[in-house]
Amino acid sequence: MSLVTRIQRYLFHARQEYILGSRYNKDRNPKYHQKHVIRSMFDLLMINHEWLDNNKIKELIQDKHPNIFTNEDWRVLESGDDNIKDYILLYEKVYNLALDEIHYKNI
C-alpha cells in the first residue's frame, strides 16, 4: 500500500505543478518526474519479488504489462520531455496498474 501512496503523492505533486504552477521546488523539474515514473515501475515489479537490473526495466515492464505504455509514452519517458503534463499521464498509468496489482493480490 505504501507504493500506491508514494505514486499518488508523485501524481498529485505533478498535477499541482501543472495546474497551479505554484510549487517552487524540485517538482518543477521534469527530470524529477521522469526519474520517479521509472522508480515507480521498478517498485511495482519488486512487489512481485522480481529482481531487476535497471537496464532491463523497460523490457520487464513490457513483458509483464505490455499495454501499460504506448510507443509515444516510451518516447516521452526516454527523451526526458520537459512537459510535466506528459509525466502526469505516465504516473496515472503506473498508479492504476499498482492499484490493480494490490487489488488482485487481496482477492
N, C-alpha and C. Protein backbone atom coordinates (compact mmCIF):
# COMPACT_ATOMS: atom_id res chain seq x y z
N MET A 1 0.82 -1.19 0.00
CA MET A 1 0.00 0.00 0.00
C MET A 1 0.86 1.26 0.00
N SER A 2 2.05 1.19 0.59
CA SER A 2 2.91 2.37 0.61
C SER A 2 3.33 2.77 -0.80
N LEU A 3 3.46 1.79 -1.70
CA LEU A 3 3.80 2.10 -3.09
C LEU A 3 2.70 2.93 -3.72
N VAL A 4 1.47 2.54 -3.53
CA VAL A 4 0.34 3.29 -4.08
C VAL A 4 0.34 4.71 -3.51
N THR A 5 0.56 4.84 -2.22
CA THR A 5 0.60 6.16 -1.58
C THR A 5 1.72 7.01 -2.17
N ARG A 6 2.88 6.43 -2.39
CA ARG A 6 4.01 7.18 -2.94
C ARG A 6 3.72 7.62 -4.38
N ILE A 7 3.20 6.72 -5.20
CA ILE A 7 2.86 7.09 -6.58
C ILE A 7 1.79 8.18 -6.57
N GLN A 8 0.83 8.04 -5.68
CA GLN A 8 -0.23 9.04 -5.58
C GLN A 8 0.37 10.41 -5.23
N ARG A 9 1.32 10.44 -4.32
CA ARG A 9 1.98 11.70 -3.95
C ARG A 9 2.69 12.31 -5.15
N TYR A 10 3.44 11.50 -5.89
CA TYR A 10 4.12 12.00 -7.09
C TYR A 10 3.11 12.56 -8.09
N LEU A 11 2.03 11.83 -8.28
CA LEU A 11 0.99 12.24 -9.22
C LEU A 11 0.35 13.56 -8.78
N PHE A 12 0.02 13.68 -7.51
CA PHE A 12 -0.60 14.90 -7.01
C PHE A 12 0.35 16.09 -7.13
N HIS A 13 1.63 15.88 -6.83
CA HIS A 13 2.60 16.97 -6.96
C HIS A 13 2.73 17.42 -8.41
N ALA A 14 2.77 16.47 -9.33
CA ALA A 14 2.88 16.82 -10.75
C ALA A 14 1.63 17.57 -11.21
N ARG A 15 0.46 17.09 -10.78
CA ARG A 15 -0.78 17.78 -11.15
C ARG A 15 -0.80 19.20 -10.59
N GLN A 16 -0.42 19.33 -9.33
CA GLN A 16 -0.42 20.65 -8.70
C GLN A 16 0.51 21.60 -9.43
N GLU A 17 1.68 21.14 -9.79
CA GLU A 17 2.63 21.99 -10.51
C GLU A 17 2.08 22.34 -11.89
N TYR A 18 1.51 21.37 -12.57
CA TYR A 18 1.00 21.62 -13.92
C TYR A 18 -0.19 22.59 -13.90
N ILE A 19 -1.12 22.37 -12.99
CA ILE A 19 -2.34 23.18 -12.96
C ILE A 19 -2.11 24.55 -12.33
N LEU A 20 -1.43 24.56 -11.18
CA LEU A 20 -1.28 25.81 -10.45
C LEU A 20 0.07 26.50 -10.70
N GLY A 21 1.09 25.70 -11.01
CA GLY A 21 2.41 26.29 -11.22
C GLY A 21 2.94 26.99 -9.99
N SER A 22 2.51 26.53 -8.82
CA SER A 22 2.83 27.26 -7.60
C SER A 22 3.91 26.62 -6.74
N ARG A 23 4.37 25.46 -7.11
CA ARG A 23 5.38 24.79 -6.29
C ARG A 23 6.76 25.25 -6.76
N TYR A 24 7.55 25.74 -5.85
CA TYR A 24 8.87 26.26 -6.21
C TYR A 24 9.96 25.36 -5.65
N ASN A 25 9.98 24.16 -6.12
CA ASN A 25 10.99 23.20 -5.67
C ASN A 25 11.27 22.22 -6.81
N LYS A 26 11.81 21.09 -6.47
CA LYS A 26 12.21 20.11 -7.48
C LYS A 26 11.05 19.59 -8.33
N ASP A 27 9.82 19.72 -7.86
CA ASP A 27 8.67 19.23 -8.62
C ASP A 27 8.48 19.97 -9.94
N ARG A 28 9.13 21.08 -10.11
CA ARG A 28 9.03 21.84 -11.37
C ARG A 28 9.97 21.27 -12.42
N ASN A 29 10.87 20.41 -12.01
CA ASN A 29 11.86 19.87 -12.91
C ASN A 29 11.34 18.58 -13.54
N PRO A 30 11.13 18.56 -14.86
CA PRO A 30 10.62 17.33 -15.50
C PRO A 30 11.52 16.11 -15.30
N LYS A 31 12.83 16.31 -15.12
CA LYS A 31 13.73 15.17 -14.87
C LYS A 31 13.35 14.47 -13.56
N TYR A 32 12.87 15.24 -12.59
CA TYR A 32 12.41 14.68 -11.32
C TYR A 32 11.26 13.69 -11.59
N HIS A 33 10.34 14.10 -12.44
CA HIS A 33 9.19 13.24 -12.73
C HIS A 33 9.58 12.05 -13.60
N GLN A 34 10.49 12.25 -14.52
CA GLN A 34 10.99 11.15 -15.34
C GLN A 34 11.59 10.07 -14.42
N LYS A 35 12.42 10.49 -13.49
CA LYS A 35 13.06 9.56 -12.56
C LYS A 35 12.02 8.81 -11.72
N HIS A 36 11.00 9.53 -11.25
CA HIS A 36 10.03 8.90 -10.36
C HIS A 36 9.04 8.00 -11.09
N VAL A 37 8.74 8.26 -12.34
CA VAL A 37 7.92 7.31 -13.10
C VAL A 37 8.69 6.00 -13.24
N ILE A 38 9.97 6.09 -13.58
CA ILE A 38 10.80 4.89 -13.72
C ILE A 38 10.93 4.18 -12.37
N ARG A 39 11.17 4.93 -11.31
CA ARG A 39 11.30 4.32 -9.97
C ARG A 39 10.00 3.63 -9.57
N SER A 40 8.86 4.23 -9.91
CA SER A 40 7.58 3.63 -9.57
C SER A 40 7.37 2.30 -10.29
N MET A 41 7.76 2.26 -11.56
CA MET A 41 7.66 1.00 -12.31
C MET A 41 8.57 -0.06 -11.68
N PHE A 42 9.77 0.34 -11.32
CA PHE A 42 10.72 -0.56 -10.68
C PHE A 42 10.12 -1.13 -9.40
N ASP A 43 9.58 -0.26 -8.55
CA ASP A 43 8.99 -0.69 -7.29
C ASP A 43 7.78 -1.58 -7.50
N LEU A 44 7.00 -1.28 -8.52
CA LEU A 44 5.84 -2.11 -8.81
C LEU A 44 6.25 -3.54 -9.16
N LEU A 45 7.30 -3.68 -9.92
CA LEU A 45 7.78 -5.01 -10.24
C LEU A 45 8.37 -5.70 -9.01
N MET A 46 8.98 -4.93 -8.11
CA MET A 46 9.55 -5.52 -6.90
C MET A 46 8.49 -6.11 -5.99
N ILE A 47 7.26 -5.58 -6.07
CA ILE A 47 6.16 -6.14 -5.26
C ILE A 47 6.02 -7.63 -5.53
N ASN A 48 6.25 -8.00 -6.77
CA ASN A 48 6.10 -9.40 -7.17
C ASN A 48 7.38 -10.20 -6.96
N HIS A 49 8.29 -9.65 -6.15
CA HIS A 49 9.54 -10.33 -5.79
C HIS A 49 10.41 -10.64 -7.00
N GLU A 50 10.39 -9.74 -7.95
CA GLU A 50 11.22 -9.92 -9.13
C GLU A 50 12.48 -9.09 -8.96
N TRP A 51 13.62 -9.68 -9.24
CA TRP A 51 14.87 -8.96 -9.17
C TRP A 51 15.07 -8.21 -10.47
N LEU A 52 15.45 -6.95 -10.36
CA LEU A 52 15.56 -6.11 -11.55
C LEU A 52 16.94 -5.51 -11.70
N ASP A 53 17.38 -5.49 -12.92
CA ASP A 53 18.55 -4.73 -13.32
C ASP A 53 17.99 -3.46 -13.95
N ASN A 54 18.48 -2.30 -13.54
CA ASN A 54 17.95 -1.03 -14.04
C ASN A 54 17.90 -0.99 -15.56
N ASN A 55 18.83 -1.64 -16.23
CA ASN A 55 18.85 -1.62 -17.68
C ASN A 55 17.75 -2.48 -18.30
N LYS A 56 17.12 -3.30 -17.50
CA LYS A 56 16.10 -4.23 -18.02
C LYS A 56 14.67 -3.80 -17.70
N ILE A 57 14.49 -2.67 -17.04
CA ILE A 57 13.15 -2.32 -16.57
C ILE A 57 12.15 -2.19 -17.71
N LYS A 58 12.54 -1.55 -18.80
CA LYS A 58 11.62 -1.39 -19.92
C LYS A 58 11.19 -2.75 -20.46
N GLU A 59 12.15 -3.62 -20.65
CA GLU A 59 11.88 -4.96 -21.18
C GLU A 59 10.95 -5.73 -20.24
N LEU A 60 11.22 -5.67 -18.94
CA LEU A 60 10.41 -6.41 -17.98
C LEU A 60 8.99 -5.85 -17.87
N ILE A 61 8.89 -4.52 -17.87
CA ILE A 61 7.55 -3.91 -17.82
C ILE A 61 6.77 -4.30 -19.06
N GLN A 62 7.42 -4.24 -20.22
CA GLN A 62 6.72 -4.60 -21.46
C GLN A 62 6.31 -6.06 -21.47
N ASP A 63 7.14 -6.93 -20.92
CA ASP A 63 6.80 -8.35 -20.86
C ASP A 63 5.65 -8.61 -19.90
N LYS A 64 5.71 -8.01 -18.71
CA LYS A 64 4.71 -8.28 -17.68
C LYS A 64 3.42 -7.49 -17.89
N HIS A 65 3.55 -6.26 -18.37
CA HIS A 65 2.40 -5.38 -18.57
C HIS A 65 2.52 -4.72 -19.94
N PRO A 66 2.30 -5.48 -21.00
CA PRO A 66 2.57 -4.98 -22.36
C PRO A 66 1.74 -3.77 -22.78
N ASN A 67 0.64 -3.54 -22.13
CA ASN A 67 -0.24 -2.44 -22.55
C ASN A 67 -0.17 -1.21 -21.67
N ILE A 68 0.75 -1.19 -20.71
CA ILE A 68 0.79 -0.04 -19.79
C ILE A 68 1.14 1.25 -20.52
N PHE A 69 2.13 1.21 -21.40
CA PHE A 69 2.56 2.41 -22.11
C PHE A 69 2.47 2.20 -23.61
N THR A 70 2.11 3.27 -24.29
CA THR A 70 2.14 3.27 -25.75
C THR A 70 3.57 3.56 -26.21
N ASN A 71 3.82 3.42 -27.49
CA ASN A 71 5.14 3.78 -28.02
C ASN A 71 5.44 5.25 -27.76
N GLU A 72 4.43 6.08 -27.86
CA GLU A 72 4.62 7.52 -27.59
C GLU A 72 4.98 7.76 -26.12
N ASP A 73 4.36 7.01 -25.20
CA ASP A 73 4.70 7.12 -23.78
C ASP A 73 6.17 6.78 -23.55
N TRP A 74 6.63 5.69 -24.17
CA TRP A 74 8.03 5.30 -24.03
C TRP A 74 8.95 6.38 -24.61
N ARG A 75 8.53 6.96 -25.73
CA ARG A 75 9.34 8.02 -26.33
C ARG A 75 9.49 9.21 -25.38
N VAL A 76 8.39 9.59 -24.75
CA VAL A 76 8.42 10.70 -23.79
C VAL A 76 9.34 10.36 -22.63
N LEU A 77 9.19 9.16 -22.10
CA LEU A 77 9.98 8.75 -20.94
C LEU A 77 11.47 8.70 -21.26
N GLU A 78 11.80 8.20 -22.43
CA GLU A 78 13.20 8.08 -22.81
C GLU A 78 13.81 9.41 -23.25
N SER A 79 12.98 10.33 -23.70
CA SER A 79 13.51 11.59 -24.22
C SER A 79 13.78 12.61 -23.13
N GLY A 80 13.19 12.41 -21.95
CA GLY A 80 13.34 13.42 -20.91
C GLY A 80 12.53 14.66 -21.24
N ASP A 81 11.35 14.46 -21.81
CA ASP A 81 10.45 15.54 -22.21
C ASP A 81 10.34 16.57 -21.09
N ASP A 82 10.20 17.83 -21.46
CA ASP A 82 10.14 18.87 -20.45
C ASP A 82 8.72 19.38 -20.20
N ASN A 83 7.72 18.57 -20.55
CA ASN A 83 6.34 18.93 -20.30
C ASN A 83 5.80 18.08 -19.16
N ILE A 84 5.55 18.71 -18.03
CA ILE A 84 5.09 17.97 -16.84
C ILE A 84 3.78 17.24 -17.12
N LYS A 85 2.95 17.79 -17.96
CA LYS A 85 1.66 17.15 -18.28
C LYS A 85 1.87 15.73 -18.78
N ASP A 86 2.93 15.51 -19.57
CA ASP A 86 3.20 14.16 -20.07
C ASP A 86 3.51 13.18 -18.95
N TYR A 87 4.19 13.64 -17.92
CA TYR A 87 4.52 12.77 -16.80
C TYR A 87 3.29 12.47 -15.95
N ILE A 88 2.35 13.39 -15.88
CA ILE A 88 1.11 13.13 -15.15
C ILE A 88 0.41 11.92 -15.76
N LEU A 89 0.35 11.88 -17.08
CA LEU A 89 -0.29 10.75 -17.75
C LEU A 89 0.45 9.44 -17.47
N LEU A 90 1.77 9.48 -17.43
CA LEU A 90 2.55 8.27 -17.14
C LEU A 90 2.34 7.83 -15.69
N TYR A 91 2.38 8.80 -14.75
CA TYR A 91 2.10 8.46 -13.35
C TYR A 91 0.74 7.80 -13.21
N GLU A 92 -0.26 8.36 -13.88
CA GLU A 92 -1.61 7.81 -13.75
C GLU A 92 -1.67 6.36 -14.23
N LYS A 93 -0.96 6.06 -15.28
CA LYS A 93 -0.94 4.68 -15.78
C LYS A 93 -0.27 3.74 -14.79
N VAL A 94 0.86 4.16 -14.22
CA VAL A 94 1.56 3.33 -13.24
C VAL A 94 0.74 3.22 -11.96
N TYR A 95 0.12 4.31 -11.55
CA TYR A 95 -0.72 4.32 -10.35
C TYR A 95 -1.89 3.35 -10.51
N ASN A 96 -2.56 3.40 -11.65
CA ASN A 96 -3.69 2.49 -11.88
C ASN A 96 -3.23 1.03 -11.92
N LEU A 97 -2.07 0.79 -12.49
CA LEU A 97 -1.53 -0.57 -12.51
C LEU A 97 -1.22 -1.04 -11.09
N ALA A 98 -0.65 -0.15 -10.27
CA ALA A 98 -0.35 -0.50 -8.88
C ALA A 98 -1.64 -0.83 -8.12
N LEU A 99 -2.66 -0.04 -8.31
CA LEU A 99 -3.95 -0.32 -7.66
C LEU A 99 -4.49 -1.67 -8.10
N ASP A 100 -4.40 -1.97 -9.40
CA ASP A 100 -4.86 -3.25 -9.91
C ASP A 100 -4.07 -4.40 -9.30
N GLU A 101 -2.75 -4.25 -9.19
CA GLU A 101 -1.91 -5.29 -8.62
C GLU A 101 -2.26 -5.56 -7.16
N ILE A 102 -2.47 -4.49 -6.40
CA ILE A 102 -2.80 -4.65 -4.99
C ILE A 102 -4.19 -5.26 -4.84
N HIS A 103 -5.13 -4.81 -5.65
CA HIS A 103 -6.48 -5.38 -5.60
C HIS A 103 -6.45 -6.87 -5.96
N TYR A 104 -5.68 -7.22 -6.98
CA TYR A 104 -5.57 -8.61 -7.40
C TYR A 104 -4.98 -9.47 -6.29
N LYS A 105 -3.98 -8.97 -5.57
CA LYS A 105 -3.34 -9.74 -4.50
C LYS A 105 -4.28 -9.92 -3.30
N ASN A 106 -5.24 -9.00 -3.12
CA ASN A 106 -6.15 -9.07 -1.98
C ASN A 106 -7.41 -9.87 -2.26
N ILE A 107 -7.56 -10.36 -3.49
CA ILE A 107 -8.76 -11.16 -3.82
C ILE A 107 -8.56 -12.58 -3.37
